[in-house]
PDB file of N, CA and C in Angstrom:
ATOM      1  N   MET A   1      57.298  41.721 -28.064  1.00  0.00           N
ATOM      2  CA  MET A   1      58.022  41.440 -29.280  1.00  0.00           C
ATOM      3  C   MET A   1      59.354  40.768 -28.953  1.00  0.00           C
ATOM      4  N   ALA A   2      59.797  39.968 -29.880  1.00  0.00           N
ATOM      5  CA  ALA A   2      61.026  39.213 -29.683  1.00  0.00           C
ATOM      6  C   ALA A   2      62.248  40.106 -29.897  1.00  0.00           C
ATOM      7  N   SER A   3      63.308  39.846 -29.141  1.00  0.00           N
ATOM      8  CA  SER A   3      64.555  40.584 -29.325  1.00  0.00           C
ATOM      9  C   SER A   3      65.262  40.066 -30.574  1.00  0.00           C
ATOM     10  N   GLN A   4      66.214  40.839 -31.080  1.00  0.00           N
ATOM     11  CA  GLN A   4      66.952  40.439 -32.292  1.00  0.00           C
ATOM     12  C   GLN A   4      67.651  39.103 -32.075  1.00  0.00           C
ATOM     13  N   ASN A   5      68.255  38.906 -30.901  1.00  0.00           N
ATOM     14  CA  ASN A   5      68.935  37.651 -30.582  1.00  0.00           C
ATOM     15  C   ASN A   5      67.944  36.494 -30.574  1.00  0.00           C
ATOM     16  N   SER A   6      66.781  36.722 -29.999  1.00  0.00           N
ATOM     17  CA  SER A   6      65.740  35.698 -29.960  1.00  0.00           C
ATOM     18  C   SER A   6      65.255  35.357 -31.367  1.00  0.00           C
ATOM     19  N   ILE A   7      65.103  36.367 -32.213  1.00  0.00           N
ATOM     20  CA  ILE A   7      64.662  36.133 -33.591  1.00  0.00           C
ATOM     21  C   ILE A   7      65.697  35.287 -34.329  1.00  0.00           C
ATOM     22  N   GLU A   8      66.962  35.623 -34.174  1.00  0.00           N
ATOM     23  CA  GLU A   8      68.025  34.855 -34.837  1.00  0.00           C
ATOM     24  C   GLU A   8      68.027  33.411 -34.373  1.00  0.00           C
ATOM     25  N   ASN A   9      67.847  33.196 -33.076  1.00  0.00           N
ATOM     26  CA  ASN A   9      67.794  31.832 -32.555  1.00  0.00           C
ATOM     27  C   ASN A   9      66.587  31.083 -33.107  1.00  0.00           C
ATOM     28  N   GLN A  10      65.444  31.748 -33.179  1.00  0.00           N
ATOM     29  CA  GLN A  10      64.248  31.100 -33.705  1.00  0.00           C
ATOM     30  C   GLN A  10      64.390  30.806 -35.194  1.00  0.00           C
ATOM     31  N   LEU A  11      65.044  31.683 -35.934  1.00  0.00           N
ATOM     32  CA  LEU A  11      65.283  31.422 -37.360  1.00  0.00           C
ATOM     33  C   LEU A  11      66.123  30.159 -37.542  1.00  0.00           C
ATOM     34  N   LYS A  12      67.145  30.010 -36.720  1.00  0.00           N
ATOM     35  CA  LYS A  12      67.982  28.800 -36.777  1.00  0.00           C
ATOM     36  C   LYS A  12      67.165  27.557 -36.427  1.00  0.00           C
ATOM     37  N   GLU A  13      66.362  27.680 -35.392  1.00  0.00           N
ATOM     38  CA  GLU A  13      65.532  26.554 -34.954  1.00  0.00           C
ATOM     39  C   GLU A  13      64.521  26.160 -36.029  1.00  0.00           C
ATOM     40  N   ILE A  14      63.888  27.142 -36.635  1.00  0.00           N
ATOM     41  CA  ILE A  14      62.914  26.879 -37.700  1.00  0.00           C
ATOM     42  C   ILE A  14      63.594  26.187 -38.869  1.00  0.00           C
ATOM     43  N   THR A  15      64.742  26.709 -39.283  1.00  0.00           N
ATOM     44  CA  THR A  15      65.481  26.110 -40.397  1.00  0.00           C
ATOM     45  C   THR A  15      65.839  24.662 -40.087  1.00  0.00           C
ATOM     46  N   HIS A  16      66.279  24.415 -38.878  1.00  0.00           N
ATOM     47  CA  HIS A  16      66.615  23.050 -38.445  1.00  0.00           C
ATOM     48  C   HIS A  16      65.403  22.120 -38.576  1.00  0.00           C
ATOM     49  N   HIS A  17      64.263  22.544 -38.043  1.00  0.00           N
ATOM     50  CA  HIS A  17      63.068  21.699 -38.075  1.00  0.00           C
ATOM     51  C   HIS A  17      62.528  21.525 -39.491  1.00  0.00           C
ATOM     52  N   LEU A  18      62.639  22.551 -40.311  1.00  0.00           N
ATOM     53  CA  LEU A  18      62.193  22.418 -41.704  1.00  0.00           C
ATOM     54  C   LEU A  18      63.055  21.415 -42.463  1.00  0.00           C
ATOM     55  N   LYS A  19      64.360  21.418 -42.205  1.00  0.00           N
ATOM     56  CA  LYS A  19      65.253  20.447 -42.849  1.00  0.00           C
ATOM     57  C   LYS A  19      64.833  19.024 -42.495  1.00  0.00           C
ATOM     58  N   ILE A  20      64.492  18.810 -41.240  1.00  0.00           N
ATOM     59  CA  ILE A  20      64.051  17.477 -40.808  1.00  0.00           C
ATOM     60  C   ILE A  20      62.747  17.094 -41.497  1.00  0.00           C
ATOM     61  N   VAL A  21      61.784  18.010 -41.512  1.00  0.00           N
ATOM     62  CA  VAL A  21      60.481  17.729 -42.126  1.00  0.00           C
ATOM     63  C   VAL A  21      60.641  17.411 -43.608  1.00  0.00           C
ATOM     64  N   TYR A  22      61.444  18.181 -44.320  1.00  0.00           N
ATOM     65  CA  TYR A  22      61.592  17.985 -45.760  1.00  0.00           C
ATOM     66  C   TYR A  22      62.568  16.874 -46.121  1.00  0.00           C
ATOM     67  N   SER A  23      63.308  16.350 -45.148  1.00  0.00           N
ATOM     68  CA  SER A  23      64.263  15.272 -45.432  1.00  0.00           C
ATOM     69  C   SER A  23      63.589  13.905 -45.501  1.00  0.00           C
ATOM     70  N   GLY A  24      62.384  13.818 -44.949  1.00  0.00           N
ATOM     71  CA  GLY A  24      61.695  12.531 -44.934  1.00  0.00           C
ATOM     72  C   GLY A  24      62.024  11.704 -43.701  1.00  0.00           C
ATOM     73  N   GLU A  25      62.856  12.253 -42.826  1.00  0.00           N
ATOM     74  CA  GLU A  25      63.160  11.557 -41.572  1.00  0.00           C
ATOM     75  C   GLU A  25      61.894  11.507 -40.721  1.00  0.00           C
ATOM     76  N   ASN A  26      61.977  10.856 -39.588  1.00  0.00           N
ATOM     77  CA  ASN A  26      60.858  10.846 -38.651  1.00  0.00           C
ATOM     78  C   ASN A  26      60.684  12.279 -38.157  1.00  0.00           C
ATOM     79  N   SER A  27      59.668  12.951 -38.662  1.00  0.00           N
ATOM     80  CA  SER A  27      59.557  14.387 -38.440  1.00  0.00           C
ATOM     81  C   SER A  27      58.386  14.795 -37.548  1.00  0.00           C
ATOM     82  N   LYS A  28      57.806  13.849 -36.822  1.00  0.00           N
ATOM     83  CA  LYS A  28      56.649  14.201 -35.988  1.00  0.00           C
ATOM     84  C   LYS A  28      56.976  15.289 -34.983  1.00  0.00           C
ATOM     85  N   GLU A  29      58.105  15.179 -34.318  1.00  0.00           N
ATOM     86  CA  GLU A  29      58.477  16.178 -33.311  1.00  0.00           C
ATOM     87  C   GLU A  29      58.742  17.533 -33.949  1.00  0.00           C
ATOM     88  N   SER A  30      59.407  17.535 -35.092  1.00  0.00           N
ATOM     89  CA  SER A  30      59.680  18.808 -35.774  1.00  0.00           C
ATOM     90  C   SER A  30      58.397  19.430 -36.289  1.00  0.00           C
ATOM     91  N   ASP A  31      57.517  18.624 -36.820  1.00  0.00           N
ATOM     92  CA  ASP A  31      56.237  19.131 -37.294  1.00  0.00           C
ATOM     93  C   ASP A  31      55.449  19.737 -36.131  1.00  0.00           C
ATOM     94  N   LYS A  32      55.466  19.059 -35.007  1.00  0.00           N
ATOM     95  CA  LYS A  32      54.776  19.549 -33.811  1.00  0.00           C
ATOM     96  C   LYS A  32      55.394  20.875 -33.345  1.00  0.00           C
ATOM     97  N   TRP A  33      56.716  20.951 -33.370  1.00  0.00           N
ATOM     98  CA  TRP A  33      57.402  22.178 -32.954  1.00  0.00           C
ATOM     99  C   TRP A  33      57.018  23.338 -33.874  1.00  0.00           C
ATOM    100  N   LEU A  34      57.007  23.091 -35.190  1.00  0.00           N
ATOM    101  CA  LEU A  34      56.668  24.140 -36.159  1.00  0.00           C
ATOM    102  C   LEU A  34      55.225  24.608 -35.980  1.00  0.00           C
ATOM    103  N   GLN A  35      54.323  23.690 -35.727  1.00  0.00           N
ATOM    104  CA  GLN A  35      52.921  24.071 -35.494  1.00  0.00           C
ATOM    105  C   GLN A  35      52.791  24.915 -34.225  1.00  0.00           C
ATOM    106  N   HIS A  36      53.506  24.533 -33.199  1.00  0.00           N
ATOM    107  CA  HIS A  36      53.482  25.301 -31.946  1.00  0.00           C
ATOM    108  C   HIS A  36      54.028  26.710 -32.190  1.00  0.00           C
ATOM    109  N   PHE A  37      55.109  26.804 -32.943  1.00  0.00           N
ATOM    110  CA  PHE A  37      55.668  28.116 -33.277  1.00  0.00           C
ATOM    111  C   PHE A  37      54.635  28.982 -33.999  1.00  0.00           C
ATOM    112  N   GLN A  38      53.907  28.402 -34.944  1.00  0.00           N
ATOM    113  CA  GLN A  38      52.933  29.173 -35.716  1.00  0.00           C
ATOM    114  C   GLN A  38      51.848  29.779 -34.829  1.00  0.00           C
ATOM    115  N   ARG A  39      51.586  29.180 -33.703  1.00  0.00           N
ATOM    116  CA  ARG A  39      50.563  29.695 -32.790  1.00  0.00           C
ATOM    117  C   ARG A  39      51.110  30.739 -31.819  1.00  0.00           C
ATOM    118  N   SER A  40      52.415  30.926 -31.801  1.00  0.00           N
ATOM    119  CA  SER A  40      53.027  31.881 -30.862  1.00  0.00           C
ATOM    120  C   SER A  40      52.880  33.315 -31.356  1.00  0.00           C
ATOM    121  N   THR A  41      52.932  34.255 -30.427  1.00  0.00           N
ATOM    122  CA  THR A  41      52.864  35.663 -30.825  1.00  0.00           C
ATOM    123  C   THR A  41      54.145  36.107 -31.525  1.00  0.00           C
ATOM    124  N   ASP A  42      55.266  35.476 -31.231  1.00  0.00           N
ATOM    125  CA  ASP A  42      56.522  35.811 -31.913  1.00  0.00           C
ATOM    126  C   ASP A  42      56.486  35.450 -33.395  1.00  0.00           C
ATOM    127  N   ALA A  43      55.568  34.594 -33.787  1.00  0.00           N
ATOM    128  CA  ALA A  43      55.502  34.137 -35.176  1.00  0.00           C
ATOM    129  C   ALA A  43      55.308  35.286 -36.157  1.00  0.00           C
ATOM    130  N   TRP A  44      54.610  36.348 -35.736  1.00  0.00           N
ATOM    131  CA  TRP A  44      54.431  37.508 -36.624  1.00  0.00           C
ATOM    132  C   TRP A  44      55.783  38.054 -37.068  1.00  0.00           C
ATOM    133  N   GLN A  45      56.597  38.392 -36.104  1.00  0.00           N
ATOM    134  CA  GLN A  45      57.869  39.050 -36.366  1.00  0.00           C
ATOM    135  C   GLN A  45      58.884  38.098 -37.004  1.00  0.00           C
ATOM    136  N   VAL A  46      58.943  36.880 -36.511  1.00  0.00           N
ATOM    137  CA  VAL A  46      59.919  35.919 -37.012  1.00  0.00           C
ATOM    138  C   VAL A  46      59.572  35.498 -38.443  1.00  0.00           C
ATOM    139  N   SER A  47      58.296  35.325 -38.748  1.00  0.00           N
ATOM    140  CA  SER A  47      57.897  34.945 -40.107  1.00  0.00           C
ATOM    141  C   SER A  47      58.223  36.050 -41.102  1.00  0.00           C
ATOM    142  N   ASN A  48      58.046  37.278 -40.684  1.00  0.00           N
ATOM    143  CA  ASN A  48      58.438  38.385 -41.539  1.00  0.00           C
ATOM    144  C   ASN A  48      59.939  38.331 -41.805  1.00  0.00           C
ATOM    145  N   ALA A  49      60.719  38.039 -40.776  1.00  0.00           N
ATOM    146  CA  ALA A  49      62.175  37.922 -40.935  1.00  0.00           C
ATOM    147  C   ALA A  49      62.526  36.773 -41.880  1.00  0.00           C
ATOM    148  N   LEU A  50      61.770  35.675 -41.835  1.00  0.00           N
ATOM    149  CA  LEU A  50      62.005  34.557 -42.758  1.00  0.00           C
ATOM    150  C   LEU A  50      61.864  35.006 -44.206  1.00  0.00           C
ATOM    151  N   LEU A  51      60.877  35.852 -44.462  1.00  0.00           N
ATOM    152  CA  LEU A  51      60.636  36.321 -45.834  1.00  0.00           C
ATOM    153  C   LEU A  51      61.693  37.302 -46.311  1.00  0.00           C
ATOM    154  N   LEU A  52      62.435  37.876 -45.409  1.00  0.00           N
ATOM    155  CA  LEU A  52      63.447  38.868 -45.763  1.00  0.00           C
ATOM    156  C   LEU A  52      64.852  38.277 -45.912  1.00  0.00           C
ATOM    157  N   ILE A  53      64.995  36.972 -45.719  1.00  0.00           N
ATOM    158  CA  ILE A  53      66.305  36.330 -45.845  1.00  0.00           C
ATOM    159  C   ILE A  53      66.657  36.221 -47.330  1.00  0.00           C
ATOM    160  N   PRO A  54      67.758  36.878 -47.736  1.00  0.00           N
ATOM    161  CA  PRO A  54      68.152  36.770 -49.149  1.00  0.00           C
ATOM    162  C   PRO A  54      68.553  35.334 -49.485  1.00  0.00           C
ATOM    163  N   ASP A  55      68.137  34.875 -50.624  1.00  0.00           N
ATOM    164  CA  ASP A  55      68.481  33.530 -51.111  1.00  0.00           C
ATOM    165  C   ASP A  55      68.079  32.416 -50.150  1.00  0.00           C
ATOM    166  N   ALA A  56      66.998  32.628 -49.418  1.00  0.00           N
ATOM    167  CA  ALA A  56      66.511  31.595 -48.495  1.00  0.00           C
ATOM    168  C   ALA A  56      66.028  30.382 -49.293  1.00  0.00           C
ATOM    169  N   PRO A  57      66.199  29.185 -48.748  1.00  0.00           N
ATOM    170  CA  PRO A  57      65.629  28.010 -49.410  1.00  0.00           C
ATOM    171  C   PRO A  57      64.114  28.179 -49.551  1.00  0.00           C
ATOM    172  N   LEU A  58      63.566  27.601 -50.579  1.00  0.00           N
ATOM    173  CA  LEU A  58      62.146  27.738 -50.871  1.00  0.00           C
ATOM    174  C   LEU A  58      61.280  27.338 -49.674  1.00  0.00           C
ATOM    175  N   GLU A  59      61.646  26.254 -48.990  1.00  0.00           N
ATOM    176  CA  GLU A  59      60.825  25.797 -47.866  1.00  0.00           C
ATOM    177  C   GLU A  59      60.801  26.809 -46.720  1.00  0.00           C
ATOM    178  N   VAL A  60      61.875  27.576 -46.558  1.00  0.00           N
ATOM    179  CA  VAL A  60      61.932  28.603 -45.514  1.00  0.00           C
ATOM    180  C   VAL A  60      60.993  29.755 -45.870  1.00  0.00           C
ATOM    181  N   SER A  61      61.079  30.225 -47.110  1.00  0.00           N
ATOM    182  CA  SER A  61      60.189  31.306 -47.555  1.00  0.00           C
ATOM    183  C   SER A  61      58.732  30.865 -47.530  1.00  0.00           C
ATOM    184  N   PHE A  62      58.484  29.638 -47.965  1.00  0.00           N
ATOM    185  CA  PHE A  62      57.123  29.106 -47.978  1.00  0.00           C
ATOM    186  C   PHE A  62      56.556  29.035 -46.563  1.00  0.00           C
ATOM    187  N   PHE A  63      57.363  28.548 -45.625  1.00  0.00           N
ATOM    188  CA  PHE A  63      56.910  28.460 -44.241  1.00  0.00           C
ATOM    189  C   PHE A  63      56.620  29.853 -43.677  1.00  0.00           C
ATOM    190  N   GLY A  64      57.466  30.816 -43.977  1.00  0.00           N
ATOM    191  CA  GLY A  64      57.224  32.184 -43.520  1.00  0.00           C
ATOM    192  C   GLY A  64      55.918  32.731 -44.066  1.00  0.00           C
ATOM    193  N   ALA A  65      55.685  32.531 -45.358  1.00  0.00           N
ATOM    194  CA  ALA A  65      54.451  33.021 -45.986  1.00  0.00           C
ATOM    195  C   ALA A  65      53.220  32.302 -45.432  1.00  0.00           C
ATOM    196  N   MET A  66      53.315  31.005 -45.282  1.00  0.00           N
ATOM    197  CA  MET A  66      52.176  30.248 -44.754  1.00  0.00           C
ATOM    198  C   MET A  66      51.876  30.627 -43.305  1.00  0.00           C
ATOM    199  N   THR A  67      52.907  30.908 -42.535  1.00  0.00           N
ATOM    200  CA  THR A  67      52.699  31.297 -41.142  1.00  0.00           C
ATOM    201  C   THR A  67      52.009  32.656 -41.068  1.00  0.00           C
ATOM    202  N   ILE A  68      52.432  33.600 -41.893  1.00  0.00           N
ATOM    203  CA  ILE A  68      51.762  34.901 -41.898  1.00  0.00           C
ATOM    204  C   ILE A  68      50.309  34.741 -42.337  1.00  0.00           C
ATOM    205  N   HIS A  69      50.065  33.918 -43.329  1.00  0.00           N
ATOM    206  CA  HIS A  69      48.690  33.648 -43.779  1.00  0.00           C
ATOM    207  C   HIS A  69      47.862  33.069 -42.625  1.00  0.00           C
ATOM    208  N   TYR A  70      48.437  32.097 -41.925  1.00  0.00           N
ATOM    209  CA  TYR A  70      47.775  31.470 -40.774  1.00  0.00           C
ATOM    210  C   TYR A  70      47.461  32.519 -39.702  1.00  0.00           C
ATOM    211  N   LYS A  71      48.448  33.364 -39.405  1.00  0.00           N
ATOM    212  CA  LYS A  71      48.268  34.365 -38.357  1.00  0.00           C
ATOM    213  C   LYS A  71      47.186  35.375 -38.732  1.00  0.00           C
ATOM    214  N   ILE A  72      47.159  35.802 -39.993  1.00  0.00           N
ATOM    215  CA  ILE A  72      46.137  36.759 -40.425  1.00  0.00           C
ATOM    216  C   ILE A  72      44.749  36.134 -40.303  1.00  0.00           C
ATOM    217  N   ARG A  73      44.625  34.883 -40.700  1.00  0.00           N
ATOM    218  CA  ARG A  73      43.322  34.207 -40.645  1.00  0.00           C
ATOM    219  C   ARG A  73      42.843  33.975 -39.217  1.00  0.00           C
ATOM    220  N   LEU A  74      43.757  33.556 -38.347  1.00  0.00           N
ATOM    221  CA  LEU A  74      43.319  33.092 -37.024  1.00  0.00           C
ATOM    222  C   LEU A  74      43.711  33.991 -35.850  1.00  0.00           C
ATOM    223  N   ASP A  75      44.737  34.777 -36.009  1.00  0.00           N
ATOM    224  CA  ASP A  75      45.252  35.544 -34.869  1.00  0.00           C
ATOM    225  C   ASP A  75      45.398  37.031 -35.173  1.00  0.00           C
ATOM    226  N   PHE A  76      44.596  37.546 -36.077  1.00  0.00           N
ATOM    227  CA  PHE A  76      44.678  38.942 -36.469  1.00  0.00           C
ATOM    228  C   PHE A  76      44.537  39.870 -35.269  1.00  0.00           C
ATOM    229  N   HIS A  77      43.758  39.449 -34.291  1.00  0.00           N
ATOM    230  CA  HIS A  77      43.525  40.260 -33.091  1.00  0.00           C
ATOM    231  C   HIS A  77      44.796  40.507 -32.273  1.00  0.00           C
ATOM    232  N   GLU A  78      45.845  39.707 -32.494  1.00  0.00           N
ATOM    233  CA  GLU A  78      47.089  39.877 -31.749  1.00  0.00           C
ATOM    234  C   GLU A  78      47.907  41.088 -32.223  1.00  0.00           C
ATOM    235  N   LEU A  79      47.675  41.529 -33.440  1.00  0.00           N
ATOM    236  CA  LEU A  79      48.465  42.628 -34.002  1.00  0.00           C
ATOM    237  C   LEU A  79      48.164  43.942 -33.307  1.00  0.00           C
ATOM    238  N   PRO A  80      49.217  44.682 -32.955  1.00  0.00           N
ATOM    239  CA  PRO A  80      48.975  46.041 -32.445  1.00  0.00           C
ATOM    240  C   PRO A  80      48.391  46.907 -33.566  1.00  0.00           C
ATOM    241  N   GLU A  81      47.594  47.858 -33.206  1.00  0.00           N
ATOM    242  CA  GLU A  81      46.907  48.724 -34.177  1.00  0.00           C
ATOM    243  C   GLU A  81      47.862  49.309 -35.214  1.00  0.00           C
ATOM    244  N   GLY A  82      49.025  49.769 -34.800  1.00  0.00           N
ATOM    245  CA  GLY A  82      49.976  50.388 -35.719  1.00  0.00           C
ATOM    246  C   GLY A  82      50.590  49.428 -36.723  1.00  0.00           C
ATOM    247  N   SER A  83      50.571  48.146 -36.449  1.00  0.00           N
ATOM    248  CA  SER A  83      51.170  47.163 -37.343  1.00  0.00           C
ATOM    249  C   SER A  83      50.264  46.772 -38.495  1.00  0.00           C
ATOM    250  N   ILE A  84      48.995  46.995 -38.362  1.00  0.00           N
ATOM    251  CA  ILE A  84      48.029  46.559 -39.373  1.00  0.00           C
ATOM    252  C   ILE A  84      48.306  47.260 -40.703  1.00  0.00           C
ATOM    253  N   GLN A  85      48.633  48.546 -40.667  1.00  0.00           N
ATOM    254  CA  GLN A  85      48.918  49.305 -41.888  1.00  0.00           C
ATOM    255  C   GLN A  85      50.024  48.675 -42.720  1.00  0.00           C
ATOM    256  N   SER A  86      51.062  48.145 -42.060  1.00  0.00           N
ATOM    257  CA  SER A  86      52.210  47.607 -42.790  1.00  0.00           C
ATOM    258  C   SER A  86      51.913  46.286 -43.487  1.00  0.00           C
ATOM    259  N   LEU A  87      50.827  45.631 -43.121  1.00  0.00           N
ATOM    260  CA  LEU A  87      50.464  44.394 -43.804  1.00  0.00           C
ATOM    261  C   LEU A  87      49.926  44.722 -45.177  1.00  0.00           C
TER     262      LEU A  87
END
């Protein structure tokens, strides 16, 4: 599991890449980074943290929700047994 400092850094990084993607700039690298993040094991914990940010921009909450959806569909086996109940 990711440390609190690591989660905070990843939240900043995700927000940065989402701003680029939604700005219409050349976003291939940011899109690639976000897809890579979604496949990581840290995505479970960090995506949950995205959903808990008060007054988060819609794109941040949407990305968090979509990542959890992606993880449940494709990477459910990564969850520790005790975490399944909380979903």
